[in-house]
Amino acid sequence: MGWTDVVTAISTSILATLSVALIVAFILWLRDAKRLLGSVERVVNSLDRDARPALESARGIIDDAGKVMTTIREEVDGFADVSRDVRDRVADLAKSVEERLEDLETVIDVLHEEIEETALDVAAALRATRRGASVVRAVKRAFLGRGR
């Protein structure tokens, strides 16, 4: 055998040894990875088992919060409708009161004029009565004979 055959045999044996070492290392790595995967699976199962009730509770809370928000939204809409209705009624009432006050002002103006005219008529009647009182007294004295 020549030196090339020896070098080839040595290099082949080194490559075979390295391949076996790599295969052993890969197998050990796969075994460790399988253990790690088992540990991860146990942790995931534990989390799933422990977290599922919490997630279901959270879903229930979220559902309840959604219902509460819907109820609040409906109540706020109801208050807005009532507020709008009250505002409209107050505006209508204010308009009605304003119209009635204008009518009342007109009535008061007419009453004022009538009272003034009546007061003037009464004053005129009193003057006429004073003037005529002496005539009535004279007629009374003449017919009744009193007061002489």
N, C-alpha and C. Protein backbone atom coordinates (compact mmCIF):
# COMPACT_ATOMS: atom_id res chain seq x y z
N MET A 1 0.80 -1.16 0.00
CA MET A 1 0.00 0.00 0.00
C MET A 1 0.85 1.24 0.00
N GLY A 2 0.33 2.16 -0.75
CA GLY A 2 1.10 3.39 -0.85
C GLY A 2 0.58 4.42 0.15
N TRP A 3 1.30 5.44 0.20
CA TRP A 3 0.97 6.48 1.17
C TRP A 3 -0.38 7.11 0.87
N THR A 4 -0.83 7.14 -0.40
CA THR A 4 -2.13 7.70 -0.73
C THR A 4 -3.24 6.83 -0.19
N ASP A 5 -3.00 5.52 -0.21
CA ASP A 5 -4.03 4.64 0.32
C ASP A 5 -4.13 4.79 1.84
N VAL A 6 -3.01 5.01 2.49
CA VAL A 6 -2.99 5.20 3.94
C VAL A 6 -3.70 6.51 4.30
N VAL A 7 -3.40 7.57 3.57
CA VAL A 7 -4.00 8.88 3.82
C VAL A 7 -5.51 8.79 3.57
N THR A 8 -5.90 8.10 2.52
CA THR A 8 -7.31 7.95 2.20
C THR A 8 -8.00 7.14 3.29
N ALA A 9 -7.37 6.07 3.77
CA ALA A 9 -7.96 5.25 4.83
C ALA A 9 -8.10 6.05 6.11
N ILE A 10 -7.06 6.83 6.44
CA ILE A 10 -7.09 7.63 7.67
C ILE A 10 -8.19 8.70 7.54
N SER A 11 -8.24 9.38 6.41
CA SER A 11 -9.22 10.45 6.24
C SER A 11 -10.63 9.86 6.23
N THR A 12 -10.79 8.69 5.64
CA THR A 12 -12.11 8.05 5.63
C THR A 12 -12.51 7.66 7.04
N SER A 13 -11.57 7.12 7.81
CA SER A 13 -11.88 6.73 9.18
C SER A 13 -12.19 7.98 10.03
N ILE A 14 -11.44 9.07 9.79
CA ILE A 14 -11.72 10.33 10.52
C ILE A 14 -13.12 10.83 10.15
N LEU A 15 -13.44 10.83 8.86
CA LEU A 15 -14.75 11.29 8.42
C LEU A 15 -15.85 10.39 8.98
N ALA A 16 -15.63 9.09 9.04
CA ALA A 16 -16.61 8.17 9.58
C ALA A 16 -16.80 8.41 11.07
N THR A 17 -15.67 8.65 11.79
CA THR A 17 -15.74 8.92 13.22
C THR A 17 -16.49 10.22 13.46
N LEU A 18 -16.17 11.24 12.67
CA LEU A 18 -16.86 12.53 12.81
C LEU A 18 -18.35 12.38 12.48
N SER A 19 -18.68 11.59 11.48
CA SER A 19 -20.08 11.37 11.12
C SER A 19 -20.81 10.66 12.25
N VAL A 20 -20.15 9.64 12.84
CA VAL A 20 -20.77 8.93 13.96
C VAL A 20 -20.93 9.89 15.13
N ALA A 21 -19.94 10.74 15.40
CA ALA A 21 -20.02 11.71 16.50
C ALA A 21 -21.16 12.70 16.24
N LEU A 22 -21.27 13.15 14.99
CA LEU A 22 -22.36 14.07 14.65
C LEU A 22 -23.71 13.38 14.81
N ILE A 23 -23.80 12.13 14.39
CA ILE A 23 -25.06 11.41 14.51
C ILE A 23 -25.41 11.20 15.98
N VAL A 24 -24.41 10.84 16.80
CA VAL A 24 -24.64 10.67 18.24
C VAL A 24 -25.06 12.00 18.86
N ALA A 25 -24.36 13.10 18.49
CA ALA A 25 -24.71 14.42 19.03
C ALA A 25 -26.12 14.80 18.59
N PHE A 26 -26.47 14.49 17.34
CA PHE A 26 -27.80 14.83 16.84
C PHE A 26 -28.87 14.02 17.58
N ILE A 27 -28.56 12.74 17.82
CA ILE A 27 -29.50 11.89 18.56
C ILE A 27 -29.67 12.40 19.98
N LEU A 28 -28.55 12.79 20.64
CA LEU A 28 -28.63 13.35 21.99
C LEU A 28 -29.43 14.66 21.98
N TRP A 29 -29.17 15.45 20.95
CA TRP A 29 -29.89 16.73 20.83
C TRP A 29 -31.39 16.48 20.63
N LEU A 30 -31.73 15.49 19.78
CA LEU A 30 -33.14 15.15 19.57
C LEU A 30 -33.78 14.65 20.86
N ARG A 31 -33.04 13.85 21.63
CA ARG A 31 -33.56 13.34 22.90
C ARG A 31 -33.83 14.51 23.86
N ASP A 32 -32.88 15.46 23.95
CA ASP A 32 -33.05 16.63 24.80
C ASP A 32 -34.19 17.51 24.28
N ALA A 33 -34.27 17.62 22.97
CA ALA A 33 -35.35 18.42 22.38
C ALA A 33 -36.69 17.76 22.67
N LYS A 34 -36.76 16.41 22.64
CA LYS A 34 -37.99 15.70 22.95
C LYS A 34 -38.38 15.93 24.40
N ARG A 35 -37.39 15.89 25.32
CA ARG A 35 -37.66 16.18 26.73
C ARG A 35 -38.14 17.62 26.90
N LEU A 36 -37.47 18.52 26.23
CA LEU A 36 -37.86 19.93 26.31
C LEU A 36 -39.27 20.12 25.75
N LEU A 37 -39.56 19.46 24.64
CA LEU A 37 -40.88 19.54 24.04
C LEU A 37 -41.92 18.96 25.00
N GLY A 38 -41.59 17.86 25.68
CA GLY A 38 -42.49 17.29 26.68
C GLY A 38 -42.74 18.27 27.82
N SER A 39 -41.66 18.94 28.28
CA SER A 39 -41.81 19.93 29.35
C SER A 39 -42.68 21.10 28.88
N VAL A 40 -42.44 21.55 27.68
CA VAL A 40 -43.23 22.65 27.12
C VAL A 40 -44.69 22.23 27.00
N GLU A 41 -44.91 20.99 26.55
CA GLU A 41 -46.28 20.49 26.41
C GLU A 41 -46.96 20.43 27.76
N ARG A 42 -46.23 19.98 28.81
CA ARG A 42 -46.80 19.94 30.15
C ARG A 42 -47.14 21.35 30.64
N VAL A 43 -46.24 22.29 30.39
CA VAL A 43 -46.50 23.68 30.79
C VAL A 43 -47.71 24.23 30.05
N VAL A 44 -47.78 23.96 28.74
CA VAL A 44 -48.93 24.43 27.95
C VAL A 44 -50.21 23.80 28.44
N ASN A 45 -50.17 22.50 28.72
CA ASN A 45 -51.37 21.84 29.25
C ASN A 45 -51.76 22.42 30.60
N SER A 46 -50.76 22.68 31.44
CA SER A 46 -51.02 23.27 32.75
C SER A 46 -51.62 24.68 32.59
N LEU A 47 -51.03 25.45 31.70
CA LEU A 47 -51.56 26.79 31.46
C LEU A 47 -52.98 26.72 30.88
N ASP A 48 -53.18 25.79 29.99
CA ASP A 48 -54.51 25.63 29.39
C ASP A 48 -55.53 25.27 30.47
N ARG A 49 -55.14 24.32 31.32
CA ARG A 49 -56.03 23.87 32.39
C ARG A 49 -56.29 25.00 33.40
N ASP A 50 -55.22 25.73 33.75
CA ASP A 50 -55.37 26.80 34.75
C ASP A 50 -55.95 28.08 34.16
N ALA A 51 -55.61 28.39 32.93
CA ALA A 51 -56.02 29.66 32.35
C ALA A 51 -57.41 29.60 31.74
N ARG A 52 -57.89 28.42 31.39
CA ARG A 52 -59.20 28.30 30.74
C ARG A 52 -60.32 28.90 31.61
N PRO A 53 -60.39 28.58 32.91
CA PRO A 53 -61.44 29.20 33.73
C PRO A 53 -61.29 30.73 33.79
N ALA A 54 -60.06 31.18 33.88
CA ALA A 54 -59.84 32.63 33.92
C ALA A 54 -60.27 33.28 32.61
N LEU A 55 -59.96 32.63 31.49
CA LEU A 55 -60.38 33.17 30.20
C LEU A 55 -61.90 33.15 30.06
N GLU A 56 -62.52 32.05 30.53
CA GLU A 56 -63.98 31.99 30.47
C GLU A 56 -64.61 33.06 31.36
N SER A 57 -64.01 33.28 32.54
CA SER A 57 -64.49 34.35 33.41
C SER A 57 -64.32 35.71 32.74
N ALA A 58 -63.17 35.89 32.10
CA ALA A 58 -62.92 37.16 31.41
C ALA A 58 -63.93 37.35 30.28
N ARG A 59 -64.23 36.29 29.56
CA ARG A 59 -65.24 36.38 28.49
C ARG A 59 -66.60 36.74 29.08
N GLY A 60 -66.93 36.12 30.21
CA GLY A 60 -68.20 36.44 30.89
C GLY A 60 -68.24 37.89 31.32
N ILE A 61 -67.12 38.37 31.86
CA ILE A 61 -67.05 39.77 32.29
C ILE A 61 -67.20 40.70 31.08
N ILE A 62 -66.54 40.34 30.00
CA ILE A 62 -66.64 41.16 28.78
C ILE A 62 -68.07 41.15 28.25
N ASP A 63 -68.72 39.98 28.27
CA ASP A 63 -70.11 39.91 27.83
C ASP A 63 -71.01 40.78 28.72
N ASP A 64 -70.79 40.66 30.06
CA ASP A 64 -71.58 41.47 30.99
C ASP A 64 -71.32 42.96 30.77
N ALA A 65 -70.05 43.31 30.55
CA ALA A 65 -69.72 44.72 30.30
C ALA A 65 -70.40 45.20 29.03
N GLY A 66 -70.46 44.34 28.02
CA GLY A 66 -71.15 44.71 26.78
C GLY A 66 -72.63 44.95 27.03
N LYS A 67 -73.25 44.09 27.86
CA LYS A 67 -74.66 44.26 28.19
C LYS A 67 -74.87 45.55 28.98
N VAL A 68 -73.97 45.81 29.93
CA VAL A 68 -74.07 47.04 30.72
C VAL A 68 -73.93 48.26 29.80
N MET A 69 -72.98 48.22 28.90
CA MET A 69 -72.79 49.34 27.97
C MET A 69 -74.02 49.54 27.09
N THR A 70 -74.63 48.43 26.66
CA THR A 70 -75.85 48.54 25.86
C THR A 70 -76.96 49.18 26.68
N THR A 71 -77.10 48.74 27.93
CA THR A 71 -78.13 49.31 28.80
C THR A 71 -77.86 50.80 29.04
N ILE A 72 -76.60 51.13 29.32
CA ILE A 72 -76.25 52.54 29.55
C ILE A 72 -76.52 53.35 28.30
N ARG A 73 -76.16 52.82 27.14
CA ARG A 73 -76.40 53.54 25.88
C ARG A 73 -77.90 53.78 25.69
N GLU A 74 -78.71 52.74 25.98
CA GLU A 74 -80.16 52.89 25.84
C GLU A 74 -80.69 53.94 26.82
N GLU A 75 -80.18 53.92 28.05
CA GLU A 75 -80.63 54.90 29.05
C GLU A 75 -80.23 56.32 28.64
N VAL A 76 -79.01 56.46 28.16
CA VAL A 76 -78.55 57.79 27.72
C VAL A 76 -79.39 58.27 26.55
N ASP A 77 -79.68 57.36 25.61
CA ASP A 77 -80.55 57.73 24.50
C ASP A 77 -81.93 58.13 25.01
N GLY A 78 -82.44 57.39 26.01
CA GLY A 78 -83.73 57.74 26.60
C GLY A 78 -83.70 59.10 27.26
N PHE A 79 -82.62 59.39 28.01
CA PHE A 79 -82.49 60.71 28.63
C PHE A 79 -82.40 61.80 27.57
N ALA A 80 -81.70 61.51 26.50
CA ALA A 80 -81.59 62.50 25.42
C ALA A 80 -82.97 62.76 24.81
N ASP A 81 -83.75 61.69 24.62
CA ASP A 81 -85.10 61.86 24.07
C ASP A 81 -85.97 62.67 25.02
N VAL A 82 -85.90 62.33 26.31
CA VAL A 82 -86.69 63.07 27.30
C VAL A 82 -86.25 64.52 27.34
N SER A 83 -84.95 64.74 27.33
CA SER A 83 -84.42 66.11 27.36
C SER A 83 -84.89 66.89 26.14
N ARG A 84 -84.84 66.26 24.99
CA ARG A 84 -85.30 66.91 23.76
C ARG A 84 -86.78 67.24 23.86
N ASP A 85 -87.58 66.29 24.38
CA ASP A 85 -89.01 66.52 24.54
C ASP A 85 -89.28 67.65 25.52
N VAL A 86 -88.57 67.65 26.65
CA VAL A 86 -88.74 68.72 27.65
C VAL A 86 -88.35 70.07 27.05
N ARG A 87 -87.25 70.09 26.32
CA ARG A 87 -86.82 71.35 25.67
C ARG A 87 -87.89 71.85 24.72
N ASP A 88 -88.44 70.94 23.92
CA ASP A 88 -89.49 71.34 22.97
C ASP A 88 -90.72 71.86 23.71
N ARG A 89 -91.10 71.17 24.78
CA ARG A 89 -92.26 71.61 25.56
C ARG A 89 -92.01 72.97 26.20
N VAL A 90 -90.82 73.17 26.75
CA VAL A 90 -90.50 74.46 27.37
C VAL A 90 -90.52 75.56 26.31
N ALA A 91 -89.99 75.28 25.13
CA ALA A 91 -90.00 76.27 24.06
C ALA A 91 -91.44 76.59 23.66
N ASP A 92 -92.29 75.56 23.54
CA ASP A 92 -93.70 75.79 23.21
C ASP A 92 -94.39 76.57 24.32
N LEU A 93 -94.10 76.22 25.57
CA LEU A 93 -94.69 76.93 26.70
C LEU A 93 -94.26 78.38 26.72
N ALA A 94 -92.98 78.62 26.48
CA ALA A 94 -92.49 80.01 26.46
C ALA A 94 -93.18 80.81 25.36
N LYS A 95 -93.35 80.19 24.22
CA LYS A 95 -94.04 80.87 23.11
C LYS A 95 -95.48 81.16 23.48
N SER A 96 -96.14 80.17 24.10
CA SER A 96 -97.53 80.36 24.51
C SER A 96 -97.66 81.45 25.57
N VAL A 97 -96.74 81.44 26.53
CA VAL A 97 -96.75 82.47 27.58
C VAL A 97 -96.53 83.84 26.96
N GLU A 98 -95.62 83.92 26.03
CA GLU A 98 -95.35 85.19 25.36
C GLU A 98 -96.60 85.70 24.63
N GLU A 99 -97.29 84.79 23.92
CA GLU A 99 -98.51 85.19 23.22
C GLU A 99 -99.58 85.65 24.21
N ARG A 100 -99.72 84.92 25.31
CA ARG A 100 -100.73 85.29 26.31
C ARG A 100 -100.38 86.62 26.97
N LEU A 101 -99.10 86.85 27.21
CA LEU A 101 -98.69 88.14 27.79
C LEU A 101 -98.99 89.28 26.82
N GLU A 102 -98.78 89.03 25.54
CA GLU A 102 -99.12 90.07 24.56
C GLU A 102 -100.63 90.33 24.57
N ASP A 103 -101.43 89.24 24.66
CA ASP A 103 -102.89 89.40 24.74
C ASP A 103 -103.27 90.14 26.01
N LEU A 104 -102.63 89.78 27.14
CA LEU A 104 -102.91 90.44 28.42
C LEU A 104 -102.54 91.91 28.35
N GLU A 105 -101.44 92.22 27.71
CA GLU A 105 -101.03 93.62 27.57
C GLU A 105 -102.09 94.39 26.78
N THR A 106 -102.62 93.77 25.74
CA THR A 106 -103.67 94.40 24.94
C THR A 106 -104.91 94.63 25.80
N VAL A 107 -105.31 93.61 26.58
CA VAL A 107 -106.48 93.75 27.46
C VAL A 107 -106.25 94.86 28.48
N ILE A 108 -105.04 94.89 29.06
CA ILE A 108 -104.74 95.93 30.06
C ILE A 108 -104.79 97.30 29.42
N ASP A 109 -104.29 97.44 28.20
CA ASP A 109 -104.36 98.73 27.51
C ASP A 109 -105.82 99.14 27.31
N VAL A 110 -106.67 98.21 26.87
CA VAL A 110 -108.10 98.51 26.66
C VAL A 110 -108.75 98.88 27.98
N LEU A 111 -108.47 98.08 29.05
CA LEU A 111 -109.03 98.38 30.37
C LEU A 111 -108.59 99.76 30.86
N HIS A 112 -107.33 100.07 30.63
CA HIS A 112 -106.81 101.37 31.06
C HIS A 112 -107.57 102.51 30.37
N GLU A 113 -107.78 102.36 29.08
CA GLU A 113 -108.53 103.38 28.34
C GLU A 113 -109.96 103.48 28.85
N GLU A 114 -110.58 102.30 29.10
CA GLU A 114 -111.96 102.30 29.59
C GLU A 114 -112.04 102.93 30.97
N ILE A 115 -111.09 102.63 31.85
CA ILE A 115 -111.09 103.20 33.20
C ILE A 115 -110.90 104.70 33.13
N GLU A 116 -109.99 105.15 32.26
CA GLU A 116 -109.80 106.59 32.11
C GLU A 116 -111.09 107.27 31.65
N GLU A 117 -111.72 106.65 30.64
CA GLU A 117 -112.98 107.23 30.13
C GLU A 117 -114.05 107.21 31.21
N THR A 118 -114.15 106.13 31.97
CA THR A 118 -115.15 106.03 33.04
C THR A 118 -114.86 107.05 34.12
N ALA A 119 -113.59 107.21 34.49
CA ALA A 119 -113.23 108.19 35.52
C ALA A 119 -113.60 109.59 35.06
N LEU A 120 -113.34 109.87 33.78
CA LEU A 120 -113.72 111.19 33.26
C LEU A 120 -115.25 111.35 33.26
N ASP A 121 -115.97 110.29 32.89
CA ASP A 121 -117.43 110.35 32.91
C ASP A 121 -117.96 110.55 34.32
N VAL A 122 -117.37 109.86 35.30
CA VAL A 122 -117.78 110.00 36.70
C VAL A 122 -117.50 111.41 37.19
N ALA A 123 -116.31 111.93 36.84
CA ALA A 123 -115.97 113.31 37.26
C ALA A 123 -116.95 114.30 36.66
N ALA A 124 -117.27 114.09 35.38
CA ALA A 124 -118.23 114.99 34.73
C ALA A 124 -119.59 114.86 35.39
N ALA A 125 -119.98 113.62 35.73
CA ALA A 125 -121.28 113.42 36.38
C ALA A 125 -121.29 114.05 37.75
N LEU A 126 -120.20 113.96 38.49
CA LEU A 126 -120.12 114.60 39.81
C LEU A 126 -120.23 116.12 39.69
N ARG A 127 -119.59 116.69 38.71
CA ARG A 127 -119.70 118.15 38.51
C ARG A 127 -121.15 118.53 38.20
N ALA A 128 -121.72 117.71 37.30
CA ALA A 128 -123.11 118.00 36.94
C ALA A 128 -124.02 117.82 38.14
N THR A 129 -123.72 116.81 38.96
CA THR A 129 -124.53 116.56 40.15
C THR A 129 -124.39 117.69 41.14
N ARG A 130 -123.23 118.22 41.32
CA ARG A 130 -123.03 119.34 42.25
C ARG A 130 -123.82 120.57 41.78
N ARG A 131 -123.76 120.79 40.48
CA ARG A 131 -124.50 121.93 39.96
C ARG A 131 -126.01 121.72 40.12
N GLY A 132 -126.36 120.45 39.84
CA GLY A 132 -127.79 120.18 39.91
C GLY A 132 -128.27 119.94 41.33
N ALA A 133 -127.39 119.78 42.27
CA ALA A 133 -127.78 119.52 43.66
C ALA A 133 -128.53 120.72 44.24
N SER A 134 -128.03 121.87 43.89
CA SER A 134 -128.72 123.05 44.41
C SER A 134 -130.13 123.15 43.84
N VAL A 135 -130.30 122.75 42.57
CA VAL A 135 -131.62 122.77 41.95
C VAL A 135 -132.51 121.73 42.63
N VAL A 136 -131.99 120.57 42.91
CA VAL A 136 -132.76 119.51 43.55
C VAL A 136 -133.14 119.95 44.95
N ARG A 137 -132.26 120.59 45.67
CA ARG A 137 -132.55 121.05 47.02
C ARG A 137 -133.67 122.10 46.98
N ALA A 138 -133.56 122.91 45.98
CA ALA A 138 -134.58 123.96 45.87
C ALA A 138 -135.93 123.34 45.56
N VAL A 139 -135.98 122.36 44.65
CA VAL A 139 -137.24 121.69 44.31
C VAL A 139 -137.75 120.93 45.52
N LYS A 140 -136.89 120.30 46.23
CA LYS A 140 -137.25 119.53 47.41
C LYS A 140 -137.84 120.47 48.46
N ARG A 141 -137.21 121.59 48.62
CA ARG A 141 -137.71 122.55 49.60
C ARG A 141 -139.08 123.08 49.17
N ALA A 142 -139.18 123.22 47.86
CA ALA A 142 -140.44 123.78 47.37
C ALA A 142 -141.58 122.78 47.56
N PHE A 143 -141.35 121.54 47.28
CA PHE A 143 -142.44 120.56 47.39
C PHE A 143 -142.62 120.05 48.81
N LEU A 144 -141.58 119.87 49.50
CA LEU A 144 -141.68 119.31 50.84
C LEU A 144 -141.78 120.37 51.91
N GLY A 145 -141.34 121.47 51.60
CA GLY A 145 -141.41 122.58 52.52
C GLY A 145 -140.44 122.49 53.65
N ARG A 146 -139.53 121.78 53.49
CA ARG A 146 -138.56 121.66 54.58
C ARG A 146 -137.35 122.56 54.34
N GLY A 147 -136.65 122.72 55.38
CA GLY A 147 -135.37 123.40 55.32
C GLY A 147 -135.47 124.87 55.17
N ARG A 148 -136.61 125.52 55.45
CA ARG A 148 -136.69 126.96 55.35
C ARG A 148 -136.23 127.60 56.53
